[in-house]
Protein backbone atom coordinates (compact mmCIF):
# COMPACT_ATOMS: atom_id res chain seq x y z
CA UNK A 1 18.23 57.55 -0.04
CA UNK A 2 17.57 55.27 -3.27
CA UNK A 3 20.52 52.94 -2.47
CA UNK A 4 19.04 52.40 1.07
CA UNK A 5 15.36 51.69 -0.43
CA UNK A 6 16.99 49.07 -2.75
CA UNK A 7 19.25 47.26 -0.34
CA UNK A 8 16.08 47.49 1.94
CA UNK A 9 13.89 45.95 -0.89
CA UNK A 10 16.59 43.22 -1.26
CA UNK A 11 16.65 42.65 2.40
CA UNK A 12 12.87 41.92 2.49
CA UNK A 13 12.90 39.94 -0.83
CA UNK A 14 15.74 37.53 0.64
CA UNK A 15 13.78 37.34 4.01
CA UNK A 16 10.70 36.23 2.29
CA UNK A 17 12.47 33.73 0.11
CA UNK A 18 14.49 32.25 3.27
CA UNK A 19 11.13 31.90 5.07
CA UNK A 20 9.44 29.93 2.33
CA UNK A 21 12.46 28.30 1.10
CA UNK A 22 10.91 24.94 1.59
CA UNK A 23 8.08 25.55 -0.36
CA UNK A 24 9.85 27.13 -3.22
CA UNK A 25 12.28 24.38 -3.56
CA UNK A 26 9.57 21.71 -3.40
CA UNK A 27 7.67 23.76 -6.31
CA UNK A 28 11.04 24.09 -8.49
CA UNK A 29 11.22 20.37 -7.98
CA UNK A 30 7.73 19.71 -9.30
CA UNK A 31 8.45 22.49 -12.28
CA UNK A 32 11.54 20.49 -13.05
CA UNK A 33 9.71 17.22 -13.11
CA UNK A 34 7.17 18.57 -15.41
CA UNK A 35 9.64 19.67 -17.67
CA UNK A 36 11.24 16.09 -17.74
CA UNK A 37 8.05 14.37 -18.15
CA UNK A 38 5.22 16.38 -19.74
CA UNK A 39 1.69 15.41 -19.30
CA UNK A 40 -0.03 15.13 -22.78
CA UNK A 41 -4.06 15.04 -23.45
CA UNK A 42 -5.88 11.55 -22.38
CA UNK A 43 -4.93 8.56 -24.34
CA UNK A 44 -7.15 5.84 -24.77
CA UNK A 45 -5.98 2.23 -24.17
CA UNK A 46 -5.87 -0.30 -26.96
CA UNK A 47 -6.05 -3.37 -24.71
CA UNK A 48 -4.94 -6.32 -26.25
CA UNK A 49 -8.07 -8.49 -27.21
CA UNK A 50 -7.99 -12.40 -26.66
CA UNK A 51 -9.61 -14.87 -28.54
CA UNK A 52 -13.20 -14.55 -29.86
CA UNK A 53 -14.11 -17.71 -28.53
CA UNK A 54 -12.96 -19.97 -25.53
CA UNK A 55 -9.61 -21.51 -25.60
CA UNK A 56 -10.51 -24.11 -23.03
CA UNK A 57 -13.76 -25.95 -21.99
CA UNK A 58 -15.05 -24.69 -18.67
CA UNK A 59 -13.91 -27.90 -16.93
CA UNK A 60 -10.20 -27.49 -18.20
CA UNK A 61 -9.75 -23.82 -17.60
CA UNK A 62 -7.87 -22.70 -14.88
CA UNK A 63 -9.31 -19.76 -12.59
CA UNK A 64 -9.00 -16.19 -13.42
CA UNK A 65 -7.15 -14.46 -10.73
CA UNK A 66 -7.64 -10.70 -9.79
CA UNK A 67 -6.00 -9.10 -6.94
CA UNK A 68 -7.63 -5.71 -5.65
CA UNK A 69 -5.27 -3.85 -3.59
CA UNK A 70 -6.52 -0.77 -1.58
CA UNK A 71 -3.67 1.65 -0.57
CA UNK A 72 -3.65 2.90 3.08
CA UNK A 73 -7.00 1.57 3.88
CA UNK A 74 -7.54 1.19 7.65
CA UNK A 75 -8.95 -1.84 9.49
CA UNK A 76 -11.99 0.17 10.51
CA UNK A 77 -12.58 1.61 7.18
CA UNK A 78 -14.94 -1.16 5.96
CA UNK A 79 -18.45 -1.89 7.58
CA UNK A 80 -17.63 -5.56 7.63
CA UNK A 81 -16.14 -5.58 10.79
CA UNK A 82 -19.17 -3.58 12.47
CA UNK A 83 -17.29 -0.28 12.36
CA UNK A 84 -16.56 2.07 9.43
CA UNK A 85 -17.84 5.52 8.89
CA UNK A 86 -20.06 4.43 6.07
CA UNK A 87 -21.25 1.16 4.69
CA UNK A 88 -19.30 -0.85 2.29
CA UNK A 89 -21.82 -3.34 1.23
CA UNK A 90 -19.75 -4.73 -1.84
CA UNK A 91 -16.47 -5.12 -0.16
CA UNK A 92 -18.31 -6.80 2.58
CA UNK A 93 -19.87 -9.05 -0.06
CA UNK A 94 -16.49 -10.30 -1.03
CA UNK A 95 -15.98 -11.36 2.69
CA UNK A 96 -19.53 -13.06 3.09
CA UNK A 97 -19.39 -14.95 -0.10
CA UNK A 98 -15.73 -16.05 0.45
CA UNK A 99 -13.43 -16.49 2.94
CA UNK A 100 -12.52 -13.59 5.57
CA UNK A 101 -8.91 -13.81 7.17
CA UNK A 102 -9.69 -12.30 10.63
CA UNK A 103 -5.79 -12.23 11.44
CA UNK A 104 -4.17 -11.12 8.07
CA UNK A 105 -1.27 -9.28 7.87
CA UNK A 106 0.55 -6.91 5.36
CA UNK A 107 4.00 -7.54 4.30
CA UNK A 108 5.08 -4.52 6.00
CA UNK A 109 3.34 -1.30 7.63
CA UNK A 110 4.46 0.75 4.57
CA UNK A 111 3.53 0.82 0.87
CA UNK A 112 6.19 -0.37 -1.17
CA UNK A 113 8.11 -3.21 0.92
CA UNK A 114 4.62 -4.69 1.27
CA UNK A 115 3.93 -4.70 -2.53
CA UNK A 116 7.12 -6.31 -3.31
CA UNK A 117 6.55 -9.01 -0.68
CA UNK A 118 2.78 -9.51 -2.38
CA UNK A 119 4.65 -9.96 -5.79
CA UNK A 120 7.31 -12.33 -4.88
CA UNK A 121 5.92 -14.43 -1.77
CA UNK A 122 9.16 -13.68 0.09
CA UNK A 123 10.24 -11.04 2.72
CA UNK A 124 11.45 -8.08 0.80
CA UNK A 125 14.57 -8.06 3.22
CA UNK A 126 15.73 -11.32 1.42
CA UNK A 127 16.31 -9.26 -1.70
CA UNK A 128 17.15 -5.92 -0.11
CA UNK A 129 13.80 -4.38 -0.74
CA UNK A 130 13.72 -2.80 3.09
CA UNK A 131 13.00 0.93 2.83
CA UNK A 132 10.36 2.62 0.82
CA UNK A 133 11.58 4.47 -2.51
CA UNK A 134 10.76 8.30 -1.87
CA UNK A 135 10.49 10.76 -4.63
CA UNK A 136 13.29 13.23 -5.36
CA UNK A 137 13.47 15.91 -2.46
CA UNK A 138 11.23 14.11 -0.04
CA UNK A 139 14.12 12.91 2.38
CA UNK A 140 15.38 16.46 2.13
CA UNK A 141 12.11 18.59 2.59
CA UNK A 142 10.16 16.46 5.07
CA UNK A 143 12.80 17.08 7.96
CA UNK A 144 13.00 21.01 6.87
CA UNK A 145 9.05 21.16 6.78
CA UNK A 146 8.94 19.30 10.44
CA UNK A 147 11.54 21.39 11.72
CA UNK A 148 9.03 24.56 10.84
CA UNK A 149 6.58 22.68 13.32
CA UNK A 150 6.39 22.45 17.03
CA UNK A 151 7.54 18.76 17.35
CA UNK A 152 8.70 17.18 20.55
CA UNK A 153 10.70 14.64 18.68
CA UNK A 154 12.45 15.85 15.65
CA UNK A 155 12.92 13.95 12.74
CA UNK A 156 16.38 12.29 12.13
CA UNK A 157 18.16 12.89 8.66
CA UNK A 158 21.01 10.27 7.76
CA UNK A 159 24.05 11.56 6.03
CA UNK A 160 23.64 9.67 2.93
CA UNK A 161 25.68 10.25 -0.18
CA UNK A 162 24.03 10.72 -3.59
CA UNK A 163 25.96 7.86 -4.82
CA UNK A 164 24.72 5.39 -2.16
CA UNK A 165 20.93 6.27 -3.23
CA UNK A 166 19.78 5.01 -6.63
CA UNK A 167 17.14 7.64 -8.49
CA UNK A 168 13.86 7.04 -7.48
CA UNK A 169 12.96 5.17 -10.72
CA UNK A 170 15.80 2.97 -10.05
CA UNK A 171 14.88 2.08 -6.47
CA UNK A 172 12.60 -1.10 -6.99
CA UNK A 173 12.26 -4.69 -7.32
CA UNK A 174 15.16 -6.65 -8.93
CA UNK A 175 14.51 -8.12 -12.17
CA UNK A 176 15.96 -11.15 -10.61
CA UNK A 177 13.09 -11.75 -8.57
CA UNK A 178 10.11 -13.90 -9.74
CA UNK A 179 6.87 -12.04 -9.66
CA UNK A 180 3.14 -13.56 -9.43
CA UNK A 181 2.92 -12.21 -13.24
CA UNK A 182 5.89 -14.16 -14.21
CA UNK A 183 4.85 -17.40 -12.60
CA UNK A 184 1.34 -17.38 -14.05
CA UNK A 185 2.69 -16.46 -17.39
CA UNK A 186 4.04 -20.09 -17.26
CA UNK A 187 0.32 -21.25 -17.35
CA UNK A 188 -0.42 -19.02 -20.24
CA UNK A 189 -2.14 -16.46 -18.39
CA UNK A 190 -2.58 -13.06 -19.87
CA UNK A 191 -1.29 -10.61 -17.33
CA UNK A 192 -2.40 -6.96 -16.67
CA UNK A 193 -1.42 -4.23 -14.00
CA UNK A 194 -3.22 -1.39 -13.54
CA UNK A 195 -2.61 1.52 -10.94
CA UNK A 196 0.01 1.89 -8.45
CA UNK A 197 3.30 0.02 -8.72
CA UNK A 198 5.77 1.43 -6.45
CA UNK A 199 8.65 -1.10 -7.56
CA UNK A 200 10.73 1.02 -9.70
CA UNK A 201 10.35 1.84 -13.38
CA UNK A 202 13.95 1.38 -14.82
CA UNK A 203 16.33 -1.25 -15.09
CA UNK A 204 14.08 -3.84 -15.96
CA UNK A 205 11.74 -3.13 -12.73
CA UNK A 206 8.75 -1.83 -14.91
CA UNK A 207 5.72 -3.98 -14.68
CA UNK A 208 5.85 -5.06 -18.30
CA UNK A 209 9.38 -6.16 -17.73
CA UNK A 210 8.24 -8.13 -14.64
CA UNK A 211 5.84 -10.54 -16.25
CA UNK A 212 2.91 -8.17 -16.92
CA UNK A 213 1.79 -8.10 -20.81
CA UNK A 214 0.25 -4.74 -20.42
CA UNK A 215 0.46 -2.22 -17.45
CA UNK A 216 -1.54 0.89 -16.87
CA UNK A 217 0.74 2.81 -14.61
CA UNK A 218 -0.12 5.38 -12.14
CA UNK A 219 2.67 7.82 -13.06
CA UNK A 220 1.57 10.50 -10.28
CA UNK A 221 -1.06 10.81 -7.63
CA UNK A 222 -3.53 13.21 -7.97
CA UNK A 223 -7.08 11.73 -8.36
CA UNK A 224 -8.33 14.92 -10.45
CA UNK A 225 -6.76 18.19 -10.92
CA UNK A 226 -6.81 20.35 -7.79
CA UNK A 227 -9.02 22.75 -9.44
CA UNK A 228 -11.42 20.34 -11.47
CA UNK A 229 -15.16 21.18 -10.78
CA UNK A 230 -15.77 17.57 -9.85
CA UNK A 231 -13.37 17.44 -7.00
CA UNK A 232 -13.52 18.10 -3.35
CA UNK A 233 -10.05 18.47 -1.82
CA UNK A 234 -9.00 18.36 2.09
CA UNK A 235 -5.47 19.77 2.86
CA UNK A 236 -4.13 18.89 5.97
CA UNK A 237 -2.09 21.78 7.14
CA UNK A 238 -0.58 20.21 10.13
CA UNK A 239 0.97 17.26 8.16
CA UNK A 240 4.42 18.01 6.22
CA UNK A 241 3.92 14.82 4.17
CA UNK A 242 0.45 16.25 3.08
CA UNK A 243 2.21 19.58 1.94
CA UNK A 244 4.85 17.70 0.07
CA UNK A 245 2.32 15.65 -1.76
CA UNK A 246 0.15 18.37 -2.76
CA UNK A 247 3.07 20.12 -4.29
CA UNK A 248 4.43 17.44 -6.10
CA UNK A 249 1.49 15.16 -7.26
CA UNK A 250 0.40 15.32 -10.92
CA UNK A 251 -2.79 13.94 -12.48
CA UNK A 252 -0.79 11.59 -14.92
CA UNK A 253 -0.77 7.65 -16.25
CA UNK A 254 1.43 5.73 -18.73
CA UNK A 255 0.79 2.82 -20.71
CA UNK A 256 3.54 0.07 -21.04
CA UNK A 257 6.26 2.94 -19.65
CA UNK A 258 5.06 5.11 -22.68
CA UNK A 259 4.75 9.03 -22.17
CA UNK A 260 2.40 10.53 -19.27
CA UNK A 261 -0.85 11.59 -20.39
CA UNK A 262 -3.94 12.67 -18.33
CA UNK A 263 -6.55 9.91 -17.05
CA UNK A 264 -10.18 10.16 -17.81
CA UNK A 265 -12.15 10.93 -14.70
CA UNK A 266 -11.98 10.33 -10.99
CA UNK A 267 -8.62 8.26 -10.59
CA UNK A 268 -10.39 4.94 -8.68
CA UNK A 269 -13.35 5.28 -11.32
CA UNK A 270 -10.83 5.62 -14.38
CA UNK A 271 -8.69 2.16 -13.21
CA UNK A 272 -12.10 0.33 -12.63
CA UNK A 273 -13.35 1.40 -16.03
CA UNK A 274 -9.97 0.16 -17.55
CA UNK A 275 -10.22 -3.15 -15.48
CA UNK A 276 -13.68 -3.87 -16.84
CA UNK A 277 -12.14 -3.60 -20.53
CA UNK A 278 -9.60 -5.75 -19.56
CA UNK A 279 -12.17 -8.53 -18.10
CA UNK A 280 -14.21 -8.07 -21.29
CA UNK A 281 -10.97 -8.26 -23.60
CA UNK A 282 -10.03 -11.53 -21.82
CA UNK A 283 -13.03 -13.41 -21.20
CA UNK A 284 -12.13 -16.39 -23.41
CA UNK A 285 -8.81 -16.79 -21.96
CA UNK A 286 -7.33 -17.12 -18.32
CA UNK A 287 -6.13 -13.85 -17.09
CA UNK A 288 -4.29 -12.40 -14.00
CA UNK A 289 -5.47 -8.77 -12.97
CA UNK A 290 -3.64 -6.80 -10.57
CA UNK A 291 -5.65 -3.83 -9.90
CA UNK A 292 -3.60 -1.57 -7.56
CA UNK A 293 -5.71 1.18 -6.37
CA UNK A 294 -4.41 4.80 -5.30
CA UNK A 295 -7.23 4.88 -3.33
CA UNK A 296 -7.64 5.95 -0.42
CA UNK A 297 -4.03 7.23 0.01
CA UNK A 298 -3.55 10.94 0.61
CA UNK A 299 -3.81 13.57 -0.92
CA UNK A 300 -7.38 13.33 -0.02
CA UNK A 301 -9.60 14.13 -3.10
CA UNK A 302 -13.27 13.03 -3.31
CA UNK A 303 -15.48 12.86 -6.30
CA UNK A 304 -17.97 15.64 -5.92
CA UNK A 305 -20.97 13.21 -6.48
CA UNK A 306 -19.68 11.01 -3.59
CA UNK A 307 -18.88 13.84 -1.05
CA UNK A 308 -22.47 14.97 -1.94
CA UNK A 309 -24.04 11.53 -1.19
CA UNK A 310 -22.64 11.87 2.62
CA UNK A 311 -24.16 15.05 3.62
CA UNK A 312 -24.82 13.47 7.15
CA UNK A 313 -20.87 13.55 7.78
CA UNK A 314 -20.17 16.89 9.04
CA UNK A 315 -16.55 16.92 9.29
CA UNK A 316 -15.11 17.96 5.87
CA UNK A 317 -11.99 15.88 6.33
CA UNK A 318 -13.90 12.72 7.42
CA UNK A 319 -16.36 13.24 4.62
CA UNK A 320 -13.82 13.38 1.74
CA UNK A 321 -12.14 10.37 3.30
CA UNK A 322 -15.43 8.48 3.40
CA UNK A 323 -16.14 9.45 -0.16
CA UNK A 324 -13.09 8.17 -1.34
CA UNK A 325 -13.83 4.59 0.64
CA UNK A 326 -17.32 5.06 -1.38
CA UNK A 327 -15.52 4.94 -4.79
CA UNK A 328 -13.29 2.29 -3.72
CA UNK A 329 -16.25 0.09 -2.81
CA UNK A 330 -18.17 1.04 -5.97
CA UNK A 331 -14.99 -0.18 -7.85
CA UNK A 332 -15.43 -3.82 -6.13
CA UNK A 333 -19.15 -3.55 -7.27
CA UNK A 334 -18.54 -3.01 -10.78
CA UNK A 335 -15.59 -5.43 -11.18
CA UNK A 336 -17.82 -8.20 -9.88
CA UNK A 337 -20.58 -7.03 -12.14
CA UNK A 338 -18.37 -7.25 -15.10
CA UNK A 339 -17.32 -10.92 -13.94
CA UNK A 340 -21.08 -11.99 -13.79
CA UNK A 341 -22.10 -10.23 -17.23
CA UNK A 342 -19.29 -12.09 -18.90
CA UNK A 343 -20.03 -15.68 -17.12
CA UNK A 344 -16.85 -15.57 -15.34
CA UNK A 345 -17.93 -15.19 -11.88
CA UNK A 346 -18.01 -18.75 -10.69
CA UNK A 347 -14.25 -19.41 -11.81
CA UNK A 348 -12.63 -16.19 -10.88
CA UNK A 349 -10.36 -16.11 -7.51
CA UNK A 350 -10.82 -12.58 -6.60
CA UNK A 351 -8.36 -11.41 -3.40
CA UNK A 352 -9.06 -8.42 -1.62
CA UNK A 353 -6.66 -6.31 0.61
CA UNK A 354 -4.84 -3.23 1.67
CA UNK A 355 -1.19 -2.93 1.58
CA UNK A 356 -0.81 -1.58 5.10
CA UNK A 357 -3.05 0.19 7.82
CA UNK A 358 -4.64 3.57 7.74
CA UNK A 359 -2.06 6.40 8.16
CA UNK A 360 -2.25 8.51 11.01
CA UNK A 361 -1.10 11.88 9.18
CA UNK A 362 -4.41 11.96 7.85
CA UNK A 363 -5.60 13.24 11.03
CA UNK A 364 -8.59 10.81 11.65
CA UNK A 365 -8.53 8.98 14.63
CA UNK A 366 -10.73 5.96 14.41
CA UNK A 367 -9.64 4.46 11.01
CA UNK A 368 -7.70 1.62 12.44
CA UNK A 369 -10.14 0.94 15.61
CA UNK A 370 -9.96 -1.38 17.33
CA UNK A 371 -6.05 -1.65 16.96
CA UNK A 372 -3.47 0.73 18.15
CA UNK A 373 -1.02 2.42 15.84
CA UNK A 374 -0.91 3.72 12.10
CA UNK A 375 0.62 3.01 9.06
CA UNK A 376 4.70 3.16 9.41
CA UNK A 377 4.28 1.61 12.76
CA UNK A 378 4.60 -2.19 13.51
CA UNK A 379 1.46 -2.01 15.89
CA UNK A 380 -1.44 -3.85 14.83
CA UNK A 381 -2.87 -0.69 13.16
CA UNK A 382 0.02 -0.79 10.71
CA UNK A 383 -0.15 -4.25 9.63
CA UNK A 384 -3.32 -5.88 10.65
CA UNK A 385 -5.41 -5.60 7.24
CA UNK A 386 -8.61 -6.54 5.56
CA UNK A 387 -8.29 -9.66 3.46
CA UNK A 388 -10.57 -11.83 1.52
CA UNK A 389 -10.59 -14.57 -0.90
CA UNK A 390 -13.57 -15.42 -3.01
CA UNK A 391 -13.80 -18.46 -5.73
CA UNK A 392 -17.31 -19.85 -5.58
CA UNK A 393 -16.33 -22.89 -8.01
CA UNK A 394 -13.63 -24.22 -5.39
CA UNK A 395 -13.88 -22.48 -2.13
CA UNK A 396 -16.32 -22.39 0.55
CA UNK A 397 -18.53 -19.19 1.14
CA UNK A 398 -19.16 -17.29 4.32
CA UNK A 399 -16.26 -18.74 6.38
CA UNK A 400 -13.69 -17.27 8.53
CA UNK A 401 -9.85 -18.10 9.04
CA UNK A 402 -8.25 -17.13 12.41
CA UNK A 403 -4.86 -18.15 12.10
CA UNK A 404 -2.23 -15.49 11.16
CA UNK A 405 -1.92 -15.24 7.47
CA UNK A 406 0.13 -12.75 5.31
CA UNK A 407 0.11 -10.86 1.94
CA UNK A 408 3.25 -13.32 1.11
CA UNK A 409 0.53 -16.19 0.82
CA UNK A 410 -1.08 -14.45 -2.13
CA UNK A 411 1.87 -15.64 -4.39
CA UNK A 412 1.95 -19.43 -3.23
CA UNK A 413 -2.17 -19.52 -3.34
CA UNK A 414 -2.42 -18.11 -6.86
CA UNK A 415 0.20 -20.31 -8.07
CA UNK A 416 -1.56 -23.38 -6.67
CA UNK A 417 -5.14 -22.21 -7.96
CA UNK A 418 -3.33 -21.72 -11.48
CA UNK A 419 -1.74 -25.31 -11.12
CA UNK A 420 1.80 -23.86 -11.30
CA UNK A 421 5.00 -24.91 -9.44
CA UNK A 422 6.82 -22.69 -7.09
CA UNK A 423 10.31 -21.72 -7.89
CA UNK A 424 12.74 -24.34 -6.17
CA UNK A 425 15.71 -22.28 -6.48
CA UNK A 426 14.78 -19.64 -3.92
CA UNK A 427 13.09 -19.44 -0.46
CA UNK A 428 9.59 -18.88 -0.71
CA UNK A 429 8.14 -17.40 2.59
CA UNK A 430 4.39 -17.43 1.46
CA UNK A 431 2.14 -20.31 2.13
CA UNK A 432 -0.85 -21.78 -0.17
CA UNK A 433 -3.63 -21.39 1.79
CA UNK A 434 -6.11 -23.35 -0.18
CA UNK A 435 -5.49 -26.71 1.85
CA UNK A 436 -6.30 -24.62 4.82
CA UNK A 437 -9.39 -23.22 3.58
CA UNK A 438 -10.77 -26.57 2.66
CA UNK A 439 -9.54 -28.15 5.92
CA UNK A 440 -7.50 -30.50 3.91
CA UNK A 441 -4.63 -29.27 6.39
CA UNK A 442 -4.79 -28.71 9.96
CA UNK A 443 -3.09 -26.37 12.19
CA UNK A 444 -1.55 -22.77 11.16
CA UNK A 445 0.16 -21.79 7.89
CA UNK A 446 2.96 -20.00 9.60
CA UNK A 447 5.13 -20.78 12.62
CA UNK A 448 6.08 -17.13 12.88
CA UNK A 449 5.80 -13.87 10.80
CA UNK A 450 8.46 -11.19 10.78
CA UNK A 451 8.54 -7.43 9.99
CA UNK A 452 11.65 -5.04 9.56
CA UNK A 453 12.47 -1.59 8.75
CA UNK A 454 15.95 -0.94 9.83
CA UNK A 455 16.44 -0.94 13.63
CA UNK A 456 12.71 -1.18 14.11
CA UNK A 457 11.38 -4.67 13.90
CA UNK A 458 8.86 -7.37 15.04
CA UNK A 459 7.99 -11.26 15.40
CA UNK A 460 4.98 -12.61 15.74
CA UNK A 461 5.05 -16.53 17.20
CA UNK A 462 2.18 -18.42 18.87
CA UNK A 463 0.31 -15.40 19.65
CA UNK A 464 3.16 -13.34 21.15
CA UNK A 465 4.15 -10.28 19.57
CA UNK A 466 7.50 -8.49 19.97
CA UNK A 467 8.39 -5.17 18.82
CA UNK A 468 11.95 -3.81 19.36
CA UNK A 469 13.09 -0.26 18.53
CA UNK A 470 16.54 1.45 18.30
CA UNK A 471 14.65 5.05 18.78
CA UNK A 472 13.60 4.89 21.22
CA UNK A 473 15.59 2.10 22.83
CA UNK A 474 12.54 0.10 23.70
CA UNK A 475 10.75 -3.32 23.61
CA UNK A 476 7.21 -4.20 23.42
CA UNK A 477 5.61 -7.57 24.29
CA UNK A 478 2.25 -8.33 23.94
CA UNK A 479 0.17 -11.48 24.30
CA UNK A 480 -2.28 -11.12 21.22
CA UNK A 481 -4.43 -14.19 22.32
CA UNK A 482 -5.32 -12.38 25.43
CA UNK A 483 -4.48 -8.81 24.36
CA UNK A 484 -5.22 -8.50 20.58
CA UNK A 485 -5.26 -4.84 20.68
CA UNK A 486 -2.04 -4.18 22.35
CA UNK A 487 -2.62 -2.50 25.48
CA UNK A 488 -0.58 -4.23 28.08
CA UNK A 489 3.29 -4.32 27.32
CA UNK A 490 4.83 -7.25 29.32
CA UNK A 491 8.30 -6.73 28.25
CA UNK A 492 9.49 -5.73 31.68
CA UNK A 493 7.44 -8.52 33.33
CA UNK A 494 8.44 -11.45 31.27
CA UNK A 495 11.91 -11.11 30.10
CA UNK A 496 12.41 -14.71 29.42
CA UNK A 497 9.70 -14.39 26.55
CA UNK A 498 11.30 -11.32 25.26
CA UNK A 499 14.90 -13.18 25.19
CA UNK A 500 13.34 -16.04 23.32
CA UNK A 501 11.59 -14.00 20.55
CA UNK A 502 14.67 -11.78 20.24
CA UNK A 503 16.60 -15.00 19.32
CA UNK A 504 14.01 -15.89 16.62
CA UNK A 505 14.21 -12.54 15.57
CA UNK A 506 17.92 -12.83 15.35
CA UNK A 507 17.75 -16.24 13.46
CA UNK A 508 15.51 -14.74 10.99
CA UNK A 509 17.79 -11.67 10.43
CA UNK A 510 20.73 -13.84 9.63
CA UNK A 511 18.93 -14.98 6.64
CA UNK A 512 18.57 -11.53 5.36
CA UNK A 513 20.78 -9.57 3.06
CA UNK A 514 21.80 -5.69 3.40
CA UNK A 515 19.38 -3.23 1.91
CA UNK A 516 20.00 -2.45 -1.57
CA UNK A 517 19.70 1.38 -0.47
CA UNK A 518 20.08 2.87 2.82
CA UNK A 519 17.46 4.75 5.09
CA UNK A 520 17.75 8.37 4.29
CA UNK A 521 15.98 9.39 7.47
CA UNK A 522 13.54 8.56 10.09
CA UNK A 523 10.11 9.98 11.07
CA UNK A 524 8.57 10.31 14.54
CA UNK A 525 5.25 8.65 15.09
CA UNK A 526 2.96 8.67 18.01
CA UNK A 527 1.31 5.45 18.51
CA UNK A 528 -2.07 6.76 19.99
CA UNK A 529 -2.43 10.02 18.08
CA UNK A 530 -2.91 11.42 14.83
CA UNK A 531 -0.58 14.11 13.49
CA UNK A 532 -3.65 16.50 14.06
CA UNK A 533 -3.68 16.02 17.78
CA UNK A 534 -1.47 17.61 20.13
CA UNK A 535 1.60 15.72 21.32
CA UNK A 536 2.87 15.62 24.85
CA UNK A 537 6.10 14.02 26.29
CA UNK A 538 4.39 11.27 27.66
CA UNK A 539 2.92 10.09 24.31
CA UNK A 540 4.34 6.75 23.38
CA UNK A 541 6.17 6.92 20.18
CA UNK A 542 8.45 5.27 17.54
CA UNK A 543 11.00 6.06 14.64
CA UNK A 544 10.35 5.02 11.22
CA UNK A 545 13.38 4.31 9.22
CA UNK A 546 12.87 5.08 5.75
């Protein structure tokens, strides 16, 4: 009898372990990560102090350049465009006092490739940065987590050997590429990175090896510890990505590739605090600051004071999300105030954008309105982003620009503002936007724009946008001049235009190289539904290779 009880107990334990195997594996992986990279107490950053008096006269000093990059900010998340769930007055002011690019596009519909293109002014596919590096275990665990859910279209796992995929920290921007920071160093800029990088941290890929004098690095992605009394959390139990992030993310930062330590306060505010210190430390010399916020990427965590200030929003998830936007808007306010307080406002070029569109997996249906699609789709919701440039000394205020522009243009535009020549040993895809803004050059900056993630690709030329996908085997053709929200697929009725654009796309692809690491899998994404909405067989979808 005793033997039967013991066997039964082992059977029950084995069954429980098997049913929860994915959660256990993710938890164990996180535990191993903690052992490998322990997190110490908070460390104060000793930022390098610039000269006590100005190095150059105001007339001879090139502009300071600040790039403020939000993460996963939807087109409808700010109030400038007439939407949004809350007012974002300080982000809006950047647009009203500078140039608002109404047809601005992310380099890609996902974070890391888009960031690589911002840093280099080049299509990531020119140097093999095609797919997003994912943390250890994510490509294994996500398909299993999806399989536990009732999905019409299951994920696809590619059989990729471990030897074919470098470790996460070695998947990044090749050291042979030239970054904005490296370019601006030629003009004696002091260069600082704060926040997210996602472009590798080993093999000379870390920010301080890619032209940045100093780097406060987002080592992991909690805004505050989950149980902190000052945080309000929102977990999405319908989303496998969210489940993975909550188990793997930590509250951690590092400085110049040093050991991990705890940040100080809510992450968006902490990065802003440190950005202000950088501005004050460098007020007497030209500087470039890349403030790459984690906000408003999931996991959704809001500062309690921001959450409490939005009591008019009844939906908990939307309220947390909106409170995160509130913190981002406050960051812009505080950075701009620091510039004014230090007499730098007139001669600082401030560029604001988002790395891609809002994510459907957070379960909020309106974040990219009026556009269809989400992050990790090439519909406008995934790539059409806010993009504002403010430089009072040299650029007109309150103007708009309607021709398509790209994240890649930041590279050439910053170089021109600093008076630095572009590299002449490689193709630079980005364009200097300054003469277009000043009406010194007429016409459009780009003849065509391209996006590619494996078999899923897109081209925009003369207002016509073609998307082609291998899974499902389908093409979408839209005339954005007449149908900017991509509601009418003209592929079947206009085969000649499809053929023409496929040829343009093929010519572009012939110039690109093979990915530095392969796609490990593909996730299904419904174009018109969030992950929280029930799926039907009639819903349009794509598969995103990653």
